[in-house]
Amino acid sequence: MEQTKCLIIGSGPAGYTAAIYASRANLSPVLYEGIEPGGQLTTTTEIENFPGYPEGITGTAMMEDLKRQAQRFGADVRFGIVTNIDFDVRPFVVTIDGEKQIEAETLIVATGASAKYLGLESEAKFRGMGVSACATCDGFFYRKQDVAVVGGGDTACEEATYLASICKQVYLIVRKPFLRASKAMQERVFNTPNIKVMFEYNTVEVLGDEDGVTGALLQHSSGEQTTIDITGFFLAIGHHPNTELFKGKLELDAEGYIKTVPGTSKTNIEGVFAAGDVKDPHYRQAITAAGSGCIAALDCERYLLSK
């Protein structure tokens, strides 16, 4: 059976950065990219807030840069999906695509988190062309324009107020007759003049053309329909950490994110480390994911040296 000192599960900024650091530490890491090579950023068009790219860069191009950098130092980057892990043996036995097995002395979990979408066909059609799940990432492209945010919790209110600072008009589409957000966030929303809260509305369809989003068709709980003219449609209805494989094995929080020892990437199982959005329900930025990938690789290296 194939053996490796360090197996990295998942790509994206966290996985690739972990691979760069682990490779430079002569750990000869093996990285399996998972179901979405490059992670969520490959669905983003332009990235302008990642240091080192003064003119901006597409998400796909940036992930290719990180992947090539990892490979330059010797990381073995492979396409494949981890389908099972036996944590009860040492080394860990990892199954790939239900067939191939690898023994790994350490694991770095960087499987990320997936944004929740409404499930509309039109929503998927315009993803990256006006439909986004990250106002902090993409809001800048819609400055001085009209946009909509879907959701009624703290995240939705936070994204709506952020967008209101750079956009002309923000529609906050809430399916319930009230906001679930904290009182402080609610007050901020209601005191922001260019945010219009639309209670008891559901999105029927995202409207657009070959250039991207042009509007949204909404339906009130009474059955009445209305159309709003927008160029940006932002989802803020939560994220789903990709941790199904680790339930009952790694310690997870109430939302399913991997718990780590504060200030480290260490999980409840010795030799298993977590990095990126799979352990981060708060920031979910490329730069924070990359930083945590670095931390995981350094923790991994120190763990192996201690053995």
C-alpha atoms as a PDB file:
ATOM      1  CA  MET A   1       0.000   0.000   0.000  1.00  0.00           C
ATOM      2  CA  GLU A   2       1.205   3.494  -0.864  1.00  0.00           C
ATOM      3  CA  GLN A   3       2.416   5.560   2.084  1.00  0.00           C
ATOM      4  CA  THR A   4       2.834   9.291   2.653  1.00  0.00           C
ATOM      5  CA  LYS A   5       3.885  11.479   5.569  1.00  0.00           C
ATOM      6  CA  CYS A   6       1.248  14.096   4.811  1.00  0.00           C
ATOM      7  CA  LEU A   7      -2.050  13.738   2.972  1.00  0.00           C
ATOM      8  CA  ILE A   8      -3.986  16.913   2.178  1.00  0.00           C
ATOM      9  CA  ILE A   9      -7.706  16.566   1.516  1.00  0.00           C
ATOM     10  CA  GLY A  10      -9.160  19.355  -0.607  1.00  0.00           C
ATOM     11  CA  SER A  11      -7.752  22.171  -2.683  1.00  0.00           C
ATOM     12  CA  GLY A  12      -8.499  25.893  -2.734  1.00  0.00           C
ATOM     13  CA  PRO A  13      -6.296  28.476  -0.972  1.00  0.00           C
ATOM     14  CA  ALA A  14      -6.059  26.417   2.228  1.00  0.00           C
ATOM     15  CA  GLY A  15      -5.145  23.101   0.627  1.00  0.00           C
ATOM     16  CA  TYR A  16      -2.695  24.490  -1.912  1.00  0.00           C
ATOM     17  CA  THR A  17      -0.980  26.744   0.647  1.00  0.00           C
ATOM     18  CA  ALA A  18      -0.638  23.787   3.013  1.00  0.00           C
ATOM     19  CA  ALA A  19       0.903  21.845   0.109  1.00  0.00           C
ATOM     20  CA  ILE A  20       3.408  24.645  -0.587  1.00  0.00           C
ATOM     21  CA  TYR A  21       4.597  24.743   3.028  1.00  0.00           C
ATOM     22  CA  ALA A  22       4.571  20.977   3.494  1.00  0.00           C
ATOM     23  CA  SER A  23       6.580  20.518   0.295  1.00  0.00           C
ATOM     24  CA  ARG A  24       9.184  23.051   1.362  1.00  0.00           C
ATOM     25  CA  ALA A  25       9.473  21.143   4.657  1.00  0.00           C
ATOM     26  CA  ASN A  26      10.345  17.994   2.666  1.00  0.00           C
ATOM     27  CA  LEU A  27       7.175  16.189   3.723  1.00  0.00           C
ATOM     28  CA  SER A  28       6.420  15.163   0.099  1.00  0.00           C
ATOM     29  CA  PRO A  29       2.689  15.776   0.538  1.00  0.00           C
ATOM     30  CA  VAL A  30       0.000  14.115  -1.540  1.00  0.00           C
ATOM     31  CA  LEU A  31      -3.015  16.352  -2.210  1.00  0.00           C
ATOM     32  CA  TYR A  32      -6.370  15.150  -3.496  1.00  0.00           C
ATOM     33  CA  GLU A  33      -8.293  18.036  -5.024  1.00  0.00           C
ATOM     34  CA  GLY A  34     -11.774  16.730  -4.301  1.00  0.00           C
ATOM     35  CA  ILE A  35     -15.029  17.229  -6.149  1.00  0.00           C
ATOM     36  CA  GLU A  36     -14.315  20.899  -6.969  1.00  0.00           C
ATOM     37  CA  PRO A  37     -10.616  21.401  -7.841  1.00  0.00           C
ATOM     38  CA  GLY A  38      -9.595  24.888  -6.754  1.00  0.00           C
ATOM     39  CA  GLY A  39     -12.560  25.261  -4.417  1.00  0.00           C
ATOM     40  CA  GLN A  40     -15.226  27.975  -4.325  1.00  0.00           C
ATOM     41  CA  LEU A  41     -12.965  30.606  -5.872  1.00  0.00           C
ATOM     42  CA  THR A  42     -13.178  28.904  -9.246  1.00  0.00           C
ATOM     43  CA  THR A  43     -16.802  30.108  -9.394  1.00  0.00           C
ATOM     44  CA  THR A  44     -15.707  33.719  -8.792  1.00  0.00           C
ATOM     45  CA  THR A  45     -14.885  35.931 -11.732  1.00  0.00           C
ATOM     46  CA  GLU A  46     -12.529  38.689 -10.540  1.00  0.00           C
ATOM     47  CA  ILE A  47     -10.590  38.763  -7.255  1.00  0.00           C
ATOM     48  CA  GLU A  48      -9.237  42.164  -6.283  1.00  0.00           C
ATOM     49  CA  ASN A  49      -8.629  41.817  -2.540  1.00  0.00           C
ATOM     50  CA  PHE A  50      -5.941  39.119  -2.452  1.00  0.00           C
ATOM     51  CA  PRO A  51      -2.468  40.601  -1.772  1.00  0.00           C
ATOM     52  CA  GLY A  52       0.019  40.373  -4.625  1.00  0.00           C
ATOM     53  CA  TYR A  53      -2.417  40.893  -7.498  1.00  0.00           C
ATOM     54  CA  PRO A  54      -2.580  44.681  -7.942  1.00  0.00           C
ATOM     55  CA  GLU A  55      -4.577  44.410 -11.165  1.00  0.00           C
ATOM     56  CA  GLY A  56      -6.845  41.652  -9.857  1.00  0.00           C
ATOM     57  CA  ILE A  57      -7.084  38.078 -11.106  1.00  0.00           C
ATOM     58  CA  THR A  58      -9.782  35.537 -11.824  1.00  0.00           C
ATOM     59  CA  GLY A  59     -10.412  32.869  -9.210  1.00  0.00           C
ATOM     60  CA  THR A  60      -9.522  30.069 -11.621  1.00  0.00           C
ATOM     61  CA  ALA A  61      -6.215  31.704 -12.608  1.00  0.00           C
ATOM     62  CA  MET A  62      -5.233  32.319  -8.991  1.00  0.00           C
ATOM     63  CA  MET A  63      -5.927  28.700  -8.049  1.00  0.00           C
ATOM     64  CA  GLU A  64      -3.839  27.533 -11.010  1.00  0.00           C
ATOM     65  CA  ASP A  65      -0.990  29.761  -9.759  1.00  0.00           C
ATOM     66  CA  LEU A  66      -1.198  28.254  -6.271  1.00  0.00           C
ATOM     67  CA  LYS A  67      -1.388  24.729  -7.667  1.00  0.00           C
ATOM     68  CA  ARG A  68       1.689  25.244  -9.891  1.00  0.00           C
ATOM     69  CA  GLN A  69       3.592  26.755  -6.969  1.00  0.00           C
ATOM     70  CA  ALA A  70       2.834  23.696  -4.823  1.00  0.00           C
ATOM     71  CA  GLN A  71       3.873  21.371  -7.640  1.00  0.00           C
ATOM     72  CA  ARG A  72       7.079  23.347  -8.170  1.00  0.00           C
ATOM     73  CA  PHE A  73       8.195  22.345  -4.677  1.00  0.00           C
ATOM     74  CA  GLY A  74       7.238  18.716  -5.170  1.00  0.00           C
ATOM     75  CA  ALA A  75       3.629  18.395  -4.025  1.00  0.00           C
ATOM     76  CA  ASP A  76       1.878  15.459  -5.660  1.00  0.00           C
ATOM     77  CA  VAL A  77      -1.463  17.018  -6.678  1.00  0.00           C
ATOM     78  CA  ARG A  78      -4.023  14.463  -7.818  1.00  0.00           C
ATOM     79  CA  PHE A  79      -7.634  14.486  -8.959  1.00  0.00           C
ATOM     80  CA  GLY A  80      -9.763  12.291  -6.757  1.00  0.00           C
ATOM     81  CA  ILE A  81     -12.233  12.227  -3.896  1.00  0.00           C
ATOM     82  CA  VAL A  82     -11.553  10.841  -0.433  1.00  0.00           C
ATOM     83  CA  THR A  83     -14.458   8.507   0.348  1.00  0.00           C
ATOM     84  CA  ASN A  84     -13.406   6.994   3.672  1.00  0.00           C
ATOM     85  CA  ILE A  85     -10.826   7.389   6.432  1.00  0.00           C
ATOM     86  CA  ASP A  86      -9.971   4.875   9.129  1.00  0.00           C
ATOM     87  CA  PHE A  87      -8.901   7.011  12.089  1.00  0.00           C
ATOM     88  CA  ASP A  88      -8.567   3.997  14.386  1.00  0.00           C
ATOM     89  CA  VAL A  89      -5.283   2.790  12.908  1.00  0.00           C
ATOM     90  CA  ARG A  90      -1.823   4.335  12.584  1.00  0.00           C
ATOM     91  CA  PRO A  91      -0.949   5.332   9.955  1.00  0.00           C
ATOM     92  CA  PHE A  92      -4.448   6.416   8.938  1.00  0.00           C
ATOM     93  CA  VAL A  93      -5.887   4.419   6.043  1.00  0.00           C
ATOM     94  CA  VAL A  94      -7.480   6.717   3.462  1.00  0.00           C
ATOM     95  CA  THR A  95      -9.686   5.398   0.657  1.00  0.00           C
ATOM     96  CA  ILE A  96      -9.808   7.313  -2.643  1.00  0.00           C
ATOM     97  CA  ASP A  97     -12.812   7.057  -4.989  1.00  0.00           C
ATOM     98  CA  GLY A  98     -13.969   3.942  -3.111  1.00  0.00           C
ATOM     99  CA  GLU A  99     -11.011   1.929  -4.392  1.00  0.00           C
ATOM    100  CA  LYS A 100      -7.406   3.006  -3.896  1.00  0.00           C
ATOM    101  CA  GLN A 101      -6.023   3.093  -0.353  1.00  0.00           C
ATOM    102  CA  ILE A 102      -3.157   5.158   1.045  1.00  0.00           C
ATOM    103  CA  GLU A 103      -1.531   5.112   4.467  1.00  0.00           C
ATOM    104  CA  ALA A 104      -0.961   8.614   5.838  1.00  0.00           C
ATOM    105  CA  GLU A 105       0.999   9.551   8.955  1.00  0.00           C
ATOM    106  CA  THR A 106      -0.817  12.899   9.093  1.00  0.00           C
ATOM    107  CA  LEU A 107      -3.890  14.478   7.509  1.00  0.00           C
ATOM    108  CA  ILE A 108      -4.679  18.086   6.678  1.00  0.00           C
ATOM    109  CA  VAL A 109      -8.402  18.584   6.081  1.00  0.00           C
ATOM    110  CA  ALA A 110      -9.144  21.496   3.748  1.00  0.00           C
ATOM    111  CA  THR A 111     -12.479  20.448   2.265  1.00  0.00           C
ATOM    112  CA  GLY A 112     -14.021  23.917   2.546  1.00  0.00           C
ATOM    113  CA  ALA A 113     -17.629  24.994   2.899  1.00  0.00           C
ATOM    114  CA  SER A 114     -20.280  25.388   0.230  1.00  0.00           C
ATOM    115  CA  ALA A 115     -22.595  28.381   0.079  1.00  0.00           C
ATOM    116  CA  LYS A 116     -26.289  27.580   0.235  1.00  0.00           C
ATOM    117  CA  TYR A 117     -28.292  28.588  -2.839  1.00  0.00           C
ATOM    118  CA  LEU A 118     -32.009  28.743  -3.523  1.00  0.00           C
ATOM    119  CA  GLY A 119     -31.832  26.004  -6.131  1.00  0.00           C
ATOM    120  CA  LEU A 120     -33.227  28.037  -9.027  1.00  0.00           C
ATOM    121  CA  GLU A 121     -32.126  27.171 -12.551  1.00  0.00           C
ATOM    122  CA  SER A 122     -31.775  30.867 -13.388  1.00  0.00           C
ATOM    123  CA  GLU A 123     -29.693  31.374 -10.242  1.00  0.00           C
ATOM    124  CA  ALA A 124     -27.201  28.748 -11.416  1.00  0.00           C
ATOM    125  CA  LYS A 125     -27.222  30.206 -14.929  1.00  0.00           C
ATOM    126  CA  PHE A 126     -26.036  33.620 -13.731  1.00  0.00           C
ATOM    127  CA  ARG A 127     -23.613  32.453 -11.049  1.00  0.00           C
ATOM    128  CA  GLY A 128     -20.506  34.567 -11.501  1.00  0.00           C
ATOM    129  CA  MET A 129     -22.480  36.914 -13.783  1.00  0.00           C
ATOM    130  CA  GLY A 130     -24.277  38.844 -11.065  1.00  0.00           C
ATOM    131  CA  VAL A 131     -25.193  36.010  -8.702  1.00  0.00           C
ATOM    132  CA  SER A 132     -22.802  35.735  -5.768  1.00  0.00           C
ATOM    133  CA  ALA A 133     -22.667  34.291  -2.265  1.00  0.00           C
ATOM    134  CA  CYS A 134     -20.042  36.732  -0.974  1.00  0.00           C
ATOM    135  CA  ALA A 135     -20.682  40.469  -0.802  1.00  0.00           C
ATOM    136  CA  THR A 136     -17.240  41.107   0.676  1.00  0.00           C
ATOM    137  CA  CYS A 137     -15.666  39.342  -2.309  1.00  0.00           C
ATOM    138  CA  ASP A 138     -17.782  40.718  -5.146  1.00  0.00           C
ATOM    139  CA  GLY A 139     -19.659  43.768  -3.880  1.00  0.00           C
ATOM    140  CA  PHE A 140     -17.057  46.206  -5.200  1.00  0.00           C
ATOM    141  CA  PHE A 141     -18.018  45.356  -8.779  1.00  0.00           C
ATOM    142  CA  TYR A 142     -21.538  46.698  -8.169  1.00  0.00           C
ATOM    143  CA  ARG A 143     -20.694  50.074  -6.646  1.00  0.00           C
ATOM    144  CA  LYS A 144     -23.282  52.762  -7.398  1.00  0.00           C
ATOM    145  CA  GLN A 145     -25.649  50.092  -8.747  1.00  0.00           C
ATOM    146  CA  ASP A 146     -28.848  48.464  -7.442  1.00  0.00           C
ATOM    147  CA  VAL A 147     -28.479  45.033  -5.846  1.00  0.00           C
ATOM    148  CA  ALA A 148     -30.436  42.528  -3.760  1.00  0.00           C
ATOM    149  CA  VAL A 149     -29.509  40.383  -0.763  1.00  0.00           C
ATOM    150  CA  VAL A 150     -31.484  37.259   0.147  1.00  0.00           C
ATOM    151  CA  GLY A 151     -31.678  36.331   3.820  1.00  0.00           C
ATOM    152  CA  GLY A 152     -32.877  37.537   7.202  1.00  0.00           C
ATOM    153  CA  GLY A 153     -30.091  36.656   9.626  1.00  0.00           C
ATOM    154  CA  ASP A 154     -27.033  38.485  10.879  1.00  0.00           C
ATOM    155  CA  THR A 155     -24.985  37.612   7.794  1.00  0.00           C
ATOM    156  CA  ALA A 156     -27.658  38.950   5.428  1.00  0.00           C
ATOM    157  CA  CYS A 157     -28.005  42.169   7.411  1.00  0.00           C
ATOM    158  CA  GLU A 158     -24.251  42.593   7.597  1.00  0.00           C
ATOM    159  CA  GLU A 159     -23.859  42.078   3.858  1.00  0.00           C
ATOM    160  CA  ALA A 160     -26.767  44.432   3.122  1.00  0.00           C
ATOM    161  CA  THR A 161     -25.248  47.238   5.193  1.00  0.00           C
ATOM    162  CA  TYR A 162     -21.847  46.667   3.602  1.00  0.00           C
ATOM    163  CA  LEU A 163     -23.353  46.830   0.121  1.00  0.00           C
ATOM    164  CA  ALA A 164     -25.372  49.912   1.084  1.00  0.00           C
ATOM    165  CA  SER A 165     -22.099  51.750   1.696  1.00  0.00           C
ATOM    166  CA  ILE A 166     -21.022  51.308  -1.929  1.00  0.00           C
ATOM    167  CA  CYS A 167     -24.237  50.642  -3.879  1.00  0.00           C
ATOM    168  CA  LYS A 168     -27.082  52.946  -4.849  1.00  0.00           C
ATOM    169  CA  GLN A 169     -29.969  50.770  -3.619  1.00  0.00           C
ATOM    170  CA  VAL A 170     -30.052  47.488  -1.693  1.00  0.00           C
ATOM    171  CA  TYR A 171     -33.141  45.280  -1.533  1.00  0.00           C
ATOM    172  CA  LEU A 172     -33.126  42.857   1.402  1.00  0.00           C
ATOM    173  CA  ILE A 173     -35.411  39.953   0.448  1.00  0.00           C
ATOM    174  CA  VAL A 174     -36.757  38.189   3.551  1.00  0.00           C
ATOM    175  CA  ARG A 175     -39.138  35.235   3.260  1.00  0.00           C
ATOM    176  CA  LYS A 176     -40.453  35.652   6.806  1.00  0.00           C
ATOM    177  CA  PRO A 177     -42.386  38.661   8.255  1.00  0.00           C
ATOM    178  CA  PHE A 178     -39.440  39.451  10.537  1.00  0.00           C
ATOM    179  CA  LEU A 179     -35.622  39.500  10.660  1.00  0.00           C
ATOM    180  CA  ARG A 180     -33.799  36.753  12.564  1.00  0.00           C
ATOM    181  CA  ALA A 181     -30.773  39.001  13.051  1.00  0.00           C
ATOM    182  CA  SER A 182     -29.697  40.482  16.377  1.00  0.00           C
ATOM    183  CA  LYS A 183     -31.398  43.697  17.503  1.00  0.00           C
ATOM    184  CA  ALA A 184     -28.232  45.685  16.824  1.00  0.00           C
ATOM    185  CA  MET A 185     -28.037  44.422  13.244  1.00  0.00           C
ATOM    186  CA  GLN A 186     -31.737  45.038  12.693  1.00  0.00           C
ATOM    187  CA  GLU A 187     -31.400  48.632  13.865  1.00  0.00           C
ATOM    188  CA  ARG A 188     -28.458  49.149  11.544  1.00  0.00           C
ATOM    189  CA  VAL A 189     -30.502  47.889   8.595  1.00  0.00           C
ATOM    190  CA  PHE A 190     -33.607  49.927   9.413  1.00  0.00           C
ATOM    191  CA  ASN A 191     -31.486  53.057   9.937  1.00  0.00           C
ATOM    192  CA  THR A 192     -29.759  52.744   6.557  1.00  0.00           C
ATOM    193  CA  PRO A 193     -31.834  54.815   4.101  1.00  0.00           C
ATOM    194  CA  ASN A 194     -30.831  52.974   0.924  1.00  0.00           C
ATOM    195  CA  ILE A 195     -31.796  49.510   2.229  1.00  0.00           C
ATOM    196  CA  LYS A 196     -35.357  48.450   1.444  1.00  0.00           C
ATOM    197  CA  VAL A 197     -36.490  45.418   3.417  1.00  0.00           C
ATOM    198  CA  MET A 198     -38.990  43.292   1.509  1.00  0.00           C
ATOM    199  CA  PHE A 199     -40.706  41.025   4.051  1.00  0.00           C
ATOM    200  CA  GLU A 200     -42.524  37.815   3.075  1.00  0.00           C
ATOM    201  CA  TYR A 201     -41.034  37.670  -0.426  1.00  0.00           C
ATOM    202  CA  ASN A 202     -39.520  34.677  -2.171  1.00  0.00           C
ATOM    203  CA  THR A 203     -37.443  34.769  -5.339  1.00  0.00           C
ATOM    204  CA  VAL A 204     -39.234  33.103  -8.244  1.00  0.00           C
ATOM    205  CA  GLU A 205     -36.556  33.735 -10.851  1.00  0.00           C
ATOM    206  CA  VAL A 206     -33.339  35.649 -11.414  1.00  0.00           C
ATOM    207  CA  LEU A 207     -33.645  37.687 -14.597  1.00  0.00           C
ATOM    208  CA  GLY A 208     -30.834  38.516 -16.992  1.00  0.00           C
ATOM    209  CA  ASP A 209     -29.314  38.472 -20.455  1.00  0.00           C
ATOM    210  CA  GLU A 210     -25.986  37.593 -22.046  1.00  0.00           C
ATOM    211  CA  ASP A 211     -24.288  40.334 -19.997  1.00  0.00           C
ATOM    212  CA  GLY A 212     -25.551  39.075 -16.641  1.00  0.00           C
ATOM    213  CA  VAL A 213     -28.241  39.786 -14.068  1.00  0.00           C
ATOM    214  CA  THR A 214     -30.794  42.508 -14.859  1.00  0.00           C
ATOM    215  CA  GLY A 215     -33.452  41.849 -12.217  1.00  0.00           C
ATOM    216  CA  ALA A 216     -35.384  39.403 -10.074  1.00  0.00           C
ATOM    217  CA  LEU A 217     -38.996  38.226 -10.075  1.00  0.00           C
ATOM    218  CA  LEU A 218     -40.333  38.062  -6.517  1.00  0.00           C
ATOM    219  CA  GLN A 219     -43.539  36.670  -5.072  1.00  0.00           C
ATOM    220  CA  HIS A 220     -45.183  37.863  -1.865  1.00  0.00           C
ATOM    221  CA  SER A 221     -46.826  35.398   0.520  1.00  0.00           C
ATOM    222  CA  SER A 222     -50.168  36.841  -0.683  1.00  0.00           C
ATOM    223  CA  GLY A 223     -49.391  35.577  -4.194  1.00  0.00           C
ATOM    224  CA  GLU A 224     -48.683  39.020  -5.632  1.00  0.00           C
ATOM    225  CA  GLN A 225     -45.599  39.158  -7.883  1.00  0.00           C
ATOM    226  CA  THR A 226     -43.244  42.064  -8.477  1.00  0.00           C
ATOM    227  CA  THR A 227     -40.035  42.653 -10.396  1.00  0.00           C
ATOM    228  CA  ILE A 228     -37.018  44.571  -9.129  1.00  0.00           C
ATOM    229  CA  ASP A 229     -34.293  45.950 -11.387  1.00  0.00           C
ATOM    230  CA  ILE A 230     -30.865  44.921 -10.102  1.00  0.00           C
ATOM    231  CA  THR A 231     -27.433  43.995 -11.441  1.00  0.00           C
ATOM    232  CA  GLY A 232     -26.250  42.000  -8.416  1.00  0.00           C
ATOM    233  CA  PHE A 233     -28.047  39.172  -6.583  1.00  0.00           C
ATOM    234  CA  PHE A 234     -26.349  38.101  -3.336  1.00  0.00           C
ATOM    235  CA  LEU A 235     -27.203  34.970  -1.344  1.00  0.00           C
ATOM    236  CA  ALA A 236     -26.751  35.202   2.421  1.00  0.00           C
ATOM    237  CA  ILE A 237     -28.678  32.165   3.628  1.00  0.00           C
ATOM    238  CA  GLY A 238     -25.738  30.325   5.116  1.00  0.00           C
ATOM    239  CA  HIS A 239     -22.908  27.947   4.302  1.00  0.00           C
ATOM    240  CA  HIS A 240     -22.625  24.198   4.621  1.00  0.00           C
ATOM    241  CA  PRO A 241     -19.201  22.913   5.764  1.00  0.00           C
ATOM    242  CA  ASN A 242     -18.081  19.880   3.788  1.00  0.00           C
ATOM    243  CA  THR A 243     -17.640  17.628   6.812  1.00  0.00           C
ATOM    244  CA  GLU A 244     -19.986  14.709   6.124  1.00  0.00           C
ATOM    245  CA  LEU A 245     -16.969  12.400   5.901  1.00  0.00           C
ATOM    246  CA  PHE A 246     -15.855  13.344   9.420  1.00  0.00           C
ATOM    247  CA  LYS A 247     -19.115  13.147  11.393  1.00  0.00           C
ATOM    248  CA  GLY A 248     -18.717  10.943  14.438  1.00  0.00           C
ATOM    249  CA  LYS A 249     -14.929  11.038  14.033  1.00  0.00           C
ATOM    250  CA  LEU A 250     -13.683  14.621  14.237  1.00  0.00           C
ATOM    251  CA  GLU A 251     -15.234  16.967  16.770  1.00  0.00           C
ATOM    252  CA  LEU A 252     -17.633  19.372  15.037  1.00  0.00           C
ATOM    253  CA  ASP A 253     -19.543  22.403  16.281  1.00  0.00           C
ATOM    254  CA  ALA A 254     -23.330  22.754  16.128  1.00  0.00           C
ATOM    255  CA  GLU A 255     -23.165  23.941  12.510  1.00  0.00           C
ATOM    256  CA  GLY A 256     -20.856  21.149  11.398  1.00  0.00           C
ATOM    257  CA  TYR A 257     -17.561  23.061  11.272  1.00  0.00           C
ATOM    258  CA  ILE A 258     -14.446  21.257  12.517  1.00  0.00           C
ATOM    259  CA  LYS A 259     -13.382  22.338  15.987  1.00  0.00           C
ATOM    260  CA  THR A 260      -9.686  23.085  16.468  1.00  0.00           C
ATOM    261  CA  VAL A 261      -7.560  23.890  19.498  1.00  0.00           C
ATOM    262  CA  PRO A 262      -7.617  27.730  19.740  1.00  0.00           C
ATOM    263  CA  GLY A 263      -4.619  29.291  18.035  1.00  0.00           C
ATOM    264  CA  THR A 264      -3.761  26.093  16.166  1.00  0.00           C
ATOM    265  CA  SER A 265      -5.062  23.809  13.423  1.00  0.00           C
ATOM    266  CA  LYS A 266      -5.099  20.750  15.712  1.00  0.00           C
ATOM    267  CA  THR A 267      -8.288  18.687  15.875  1.00  0.00           C
ATOM    268  CA  ASN A 268      -9.370  16.244  18.578  1.00  0.00           C
ATOM    269  CA  ILE A 269      -7.421  13.470  16.820  1.00  0.00           C
ATOM    270  CA  GLU A 270      -3.632  13.642  17.091  1.00  0.00           C
ATOM    271  CA  GLY A 271      -2.011  14.042  13.685  1.00  0.00           C
ATOM    272  CA  VAL A 272      -5.143  15.468  12.037  1.00  0.00           C
ATOM    273  CA  PHE A 273      -5.227  19.174  11.235  1.00  0.00           C
ATOM    274  CA  ALA A 274      -7.901  21.424   9.710  1.00  0.00           C
ATOM    275  CA  ALA A 275      -7.538  24.506   7.528  1.00  0.00           C
ATOM    276  CA  GLY A 276      -9.704  26.963   5.630  1.00  0.00           C
ATOM    277  CA  ASP A 277     -13.465  27.376   5.494  1.00  0.00           C
ATOM    278  CA  VAL A 278     -14.106  23.873   6.862  1.00  0.00           C
ATOM    279  CA  LYS A 279     -13.122  25.280  10.278  1.00  0.00           C
ATOM    280  CA  ASP A 280     -14.039  28.944   9.774  1.00  0.00           C
ATOM    281  CA  PRO A 281     -17.716  29.969  10.042  1.00  0.00           C
ATOM    282  CA  HIS A 282     -16.839  33.662  10.432  1.00  0.00           C
ATOM    283  CA  TYR A 283     -14.438  35.084   7.823  1.00  0.00           C
ATOM    284  CA  ARG A 284     -14.475  32.753   4.807  1.00  0.00           C
ATOM    285  CA  GLN A 285     -11.950  34.770   2.783  1.00  0.00           C
ATOM    286  CA  ALA A 286      -9.258  33.467   0.450  1.00  0.00           C
ATOM    287  CA  ILE A 287      -6.510  35.201   2.427  1.00  0.00           C
ATOM    288  CA  THR A 288      -7.633  33.778   5.796  1.00  0.00           C
ATOM    289  CA  ALA A 289      -7.950  30.312   4.239  1.00  0.00           C
ATOM    290  CA  ALA A 290      -4.422  30.566   2.843  1.00  0.00           C
ATOM    291  CA  GLY A 291      -3.100  31.669   6.238  1.00  0.00           C
ATOM    292  CA  SER A 292      -4.743  28.733   7.980  1.00  0.00           C
ATOM    293  CA  GLY A 293      -3.275  26.389   5.364  1.00  0.00           C
ATOM    294  CA  CYS A 294       0.166  27.677   6.321  1.00  0.00           C
ATOM    295  CA  ILE A 295      -0.601  27.111  10.010  1.00  0.00           C
ATOM    296  CA  ALA A 296      -1.791  23.546   9.347  1.00  0.00           C
ATOM    297  CA  ALA A 297       1.385  22.660   7.447  1.00  0.00           C
ATOM    298  CA  LEU A 298       3.604  24.101  10.179  1.00  0.00           C
ATOM    299  CA  ASP A 299       1.640  22.247  12.876  1.00  0.00           C
ATOM    300  CA  CYS A 300       1.921  19.083  10.805  1.00  0.00           C
ATOM    301  CA  GLU A 301       5.683  19.490  10.377  1.00  0.00           C
ATOM    302  CA  ARG A 302       6.199  20.061  14.120  1.00  0.00           C
ATOM    303  CA  TYR A 303       4.058  17.063  14.961  1.00  0.00           C
ATOM    304  CA  LEU A 304       6.108  14.783  12.705  1.00  0.00           C
ATOM    305  CA  LEU A 305       9.386  16.139  14.095  1.00  0.00           C
ATOM    306  CA  SER A 306       8.161  15.416  17.636  1.00  0.00           C
ATOM    307  CA  LYS A 307       7.701  11.782  16.644  1.00  0.00           C
END
